[in-house]
């Protein structure tokens, strides 16, 4: 992968594979490099220069590195805001039945589908279900990256 200059600028030419890897590792890098924001990591990834990373590219990389899928799922669970994209594992009937009250069961059920991975966007009602964990995660990552890129474009001076 290329060396990076100051302020996350790419100082060399990154290959498309480098960009895909950087995008897919963003949640893990954020977790391990606690002093760097997701915005900075996306700027460093080379994504903003190309924005050509497809959902299929992300899925292929995640299948080669399945440990990153769990990192993205934890990243979704760790979000501390009431808007944005999220991913949820299939509804677990045993866990659902053990929840102590109706309010918790309703909340749990609102974000999950039986035997399907669910990806959604709050406060919108956008929601898609997937049979496969990697496919669901690739869709989730693509949406999160697009949202971050949009934020960067809106807030950049000039």
Protein backbone atom coordinates (compact mmCIF):
# COMPACT_ATOMS: atom_id res chain seq x y z
CA UNK A 1 0.00 0.00 0.00
CA UNK A 2 1.18 3.52 -0.73
CA UNK A 3 2.69 5.92 1.76
CA UNK A 4 0.33 8.57 2.99
CA UNK A 5 1.18 12.20 3.43
CA UNK A 6 -0.11 14.71 5.93
CA UNK A 7 -3.85 15.12 6.52
CA UNK A 8 -4.68 11.75 5.03
CA UNK A 9 -3.72 12.66 1.48
CA UNK A 10 -2.50 9.75 -0.58
CA UNK A 11 1.09 10.49 -1.53
CA UNK A 12 1.43 7.76 -4.14
CA UNK A 13 -0.79 5.80 -6.43
CA UNK A 14 -3.01 3.32 -4.67
CA UNK A 15 -4.31 0.36 -6.59
CA UNK A 16 -8.04 -0.38 -6.57
CA UNK A 17 -7.26 -3.39 -4.36
CA UNK A 18 -5.50 -1.10 -1.87
CA UNK A 19 -8.56 1.14 -1.72
CA UNK A 20 -10.92 -1.81 -1.20
CA UNK A 21 -8.69 -3.17 1.57
CA UNK A 22 -8.51 0.23 3.29
CA UNK A 23 -12.27 0.68 3.11
CA UNK A 24 -12.94 -2.82 4.44
CA UNK A 25 -10.45 -2.35 7.28
CA UNK A 26 -11.78 1.07 8.27
CA UNK A 27 -13.83 -0.17 11.26
CA UNK A 28 -10.92 -2.26 12.53
CA UNK A 29 -8.46 0.60 12.05
CA UNK A 30 -10.83 2.92 13.92
CA UNK A 31 -10.99 0.46 16.80
CA UNK A 32 -7.22 -0.02 17.01
CA UNK A 33 -6.12 3.55 16.19
CA UNK A 34 -8.28 5.34 18.74
CA UNK A 35 -6.82 8.76 17.94
CA UNK A 36 -8.03 8.79 14.31
CA UNK A 37 -11.58 9.52 13.19
CA UNK A 38 -13.50 7.49 10.63
CA UNK A 39 -13.51 10.57 8.42
CA UNK A 40 -9.70 10.72 8.54
CA UNK A 41 -9.45 7.01 7.84
CA UNK A 42 -11.73 7.32 4.83
CA UNK A 43 -9.69 10.27 3.55
CA UNK A 44 -6.54 8.17 3.86
CA UNK A 45 -8.11 5.16 2.16
CA UNK A 46 -7.99 6.60 -1.35
CA UNK A 47 -11.76 6.12 -1.66
CA UNK A 48 -12.53 9.81 -2.12
CA UNK A 49 -10.27 9.97 -5.16
CA UNK A 50 -12.07 7.12 -6.91
CA UNK A 51 -15.33 6.30 -5.11
CA UNK A 52 -15.45 3.26 -7.36
CA UNK A 53 -15.47 0.59 -4.66
CA UNK A 54 -18.47 -1.60 -5.35
CA UNK A 55 -20.52 -3.70 -3.01
CA UNK A 56 -19.18 -6.77 -4.86
CA UNK A 57 -15.58 -5.61 -4.23
CA UNK A 58 -16.34 -5.19 -0.54
CA UNK A 59 -18.06 -8.57 -0.30
CA UNK A 60 -15.17 -10.35 -2.02
CA UNK A 61 -12.67 -8.80 0.40
CA UNK A 62 -14.83 -9.60 3.43
CA UNK A 63 -15.10 -13.23 2.33
CA UNK A 64 -11.30 -13.39 2.32
CA UNK A 65 -11.18 -11.66 5.73
CA UNK A 66 -14.31 -12.82 7.60
CA UNK A 67 -12.97 -11.48 10.90
CA UNK A 68 -13.70 -7.99 9.56
CA UNK A 69 -17.41 -8.79 9.27
CA UNK A 70 -17.65 -9.15 13.04
CA UNK A 71 -15.71 -5.91 13.49
CA UNK A 72 -18.24 -4.06 11.32
CA UNK A 73 -21.14 -5.63 13.23
CA UNK A 74 -19.61 -4.50 16.54
CA UNK A 75 -19.03 -1.07 15.02
CA UNK A 76 -22.74 -0.88 14.18
CA UNK A 77 -23.69 -1.93 17.70
CA UNK A 78 -21.31 0.64 19.21
CA UNK A 79 -22.80 3.62 17.40
CA UNK A 80 -24.02 6.25 19.82
CA UNK A 81 -26.37 8.16 17.57
CA UNK A 82 -30.02 7.83 16.68
CA UNK A 83 -29.56 8.12 12.92
CA UNK A 84 -27.61 6.20 10.33
CA UNK A 85 -27.09 2.71 9.01
CA UNK A 86 -27.13 -0.39 11.20
CA UNK A 87 -26.79 -4.15 10.76
CA UNK A 88 -28.45 -6.80 12.92
CA UNK A 89 -28.09 -10.55 13.13
CA UNK A 90 -31.10 -12.80 12.60
CA UNK A 91 -33.70 -12.92 15.34
CA UNK A 92 -32.77 -15.45 18.02
CA UNK A 93 -36.03 -17.02 19.23
CA UNK A 94 -34.52 -18.32 22.49
CA UNK A 95 -33.06 -14.94 23.39
CA UNK A 96 -36.28 -13.21 22.35
CA UNK A 97 -38.35 -15.42 24.67
CA UNK A 98 -35.98 -14.76 27.60
CA UNK A 99 -36.17 -10.97 27.36
CA UNK A 100 -37.70 -9.65 30.58
CA UNK A 101 -40.45 -7.39 29.25
CA UNK A 102 -42.58 -6.53 26.23
CA UNK A 103 -40.75 -3.26 25.55
CA UNK A 104 -37.41 -5.04 25.21
CA UNK A 105 -38.97 -7.77 23.05
CA UNK A 106 -40.56 -5.15 20.78
CA UNK A 107 -37.28 -3.25 20.38
CA UNK A 108 -35.35 -6.46 19.73
CA UNK A 109 -37.90 -7.66 17.19
CA UNK A 110 -38.09 -4.29 15.39
CA UNK A 111 -34.47 -4.59 14.31
CA UNK A 112 -34.35 -8.26 13.40
CA UNK A 113 -35.94 -10.73 11.04
CA UNK A 114 -36.12 -14.44 11.62
CA UNK A 115 -33.35 -16.31 9.75
CA UNK A 116 -32.22 -13.14 7.91
CA UNK A 117 -29.56 -10.51 8.42
CA UNK A 118 -31.10 -7.05 8.43
CA UNK A 119 -29.55 -3.75 7.38
CA UNK A 120 -31.47 -0.54 7.89
CA UNK A 121 -31.24 3.21 8.13
CA UNK A 122 -32.68 5.38 10.88
CA UNK A 123 -34.72 7.53 10.98
CA UNK A 124 -35.74 6.38 7.51
CA UNK A 125 -37.55 3.12 7.15
CA UNK A 126 -35.07 1.77 4.62
CA UNK A 127 -34.50 -1.87 5.44
CA UNK A 128 -33.13 -4.84 3.51
CA UNK A 129 -32.77 -8.44 4.54
CA UNK A 130 -30.09 -10.91 3.50
CA UNK A 131 -29.62 -14.64 3.84
CA UNK A 132 -25.86 -14.27 4.05
CA UNK A 133 -23.81 -12.45 6.70
CA UNK A 134 -21.04 -11.31 4.30
CA UNK A 135 -23.51 -10.02 1.73
CA UNK A 136 -25.39 -8.09 4.41
CA UNK A 137 -22.16 -6.67 5.79
CA UNK A 138 -20.94 -5.61 2.34
CA UNK A 139 -24.18 -3.70 1.79
CA UNK A 140 -23.86 -2.12 5.25
CA UNK A 141 -20.22 -1.10 4.69
CA UNK A 142 -21.03 0.40 1.29
CA UNK A 143 -23.82 2.51 2.80
CA UNK A 144 -21.69 3.66 5.74
CA UNK A 145 -18.81 4.61 3.45
CA UNK A 146 -21.14 6.54 1.12
CA UNK A 147 -22.57 8.44 4.09
CA UNK A 148 -19.09 9.30 5.38
CA UNK A 149 -17.99 10.42 1.91
CA UNK A 150 -21.09 12.59 1.59
CA UNK A 151 -20.34 14.17 4.97
CA UNK A 152 -16.78 14.90 3.88
CA UNK A 153 -17.93 16.45 0.60
CA UNK A 154 -20.51 18.63 2.39
CA UNK A 155 -18.07 19.91 5.00
CA UNK A 156 -14.95 20.42 2.90
CA UNK A 157 -14.08 24.05 2.36
CA UNK A 158 -14.13 25.28 -1.20
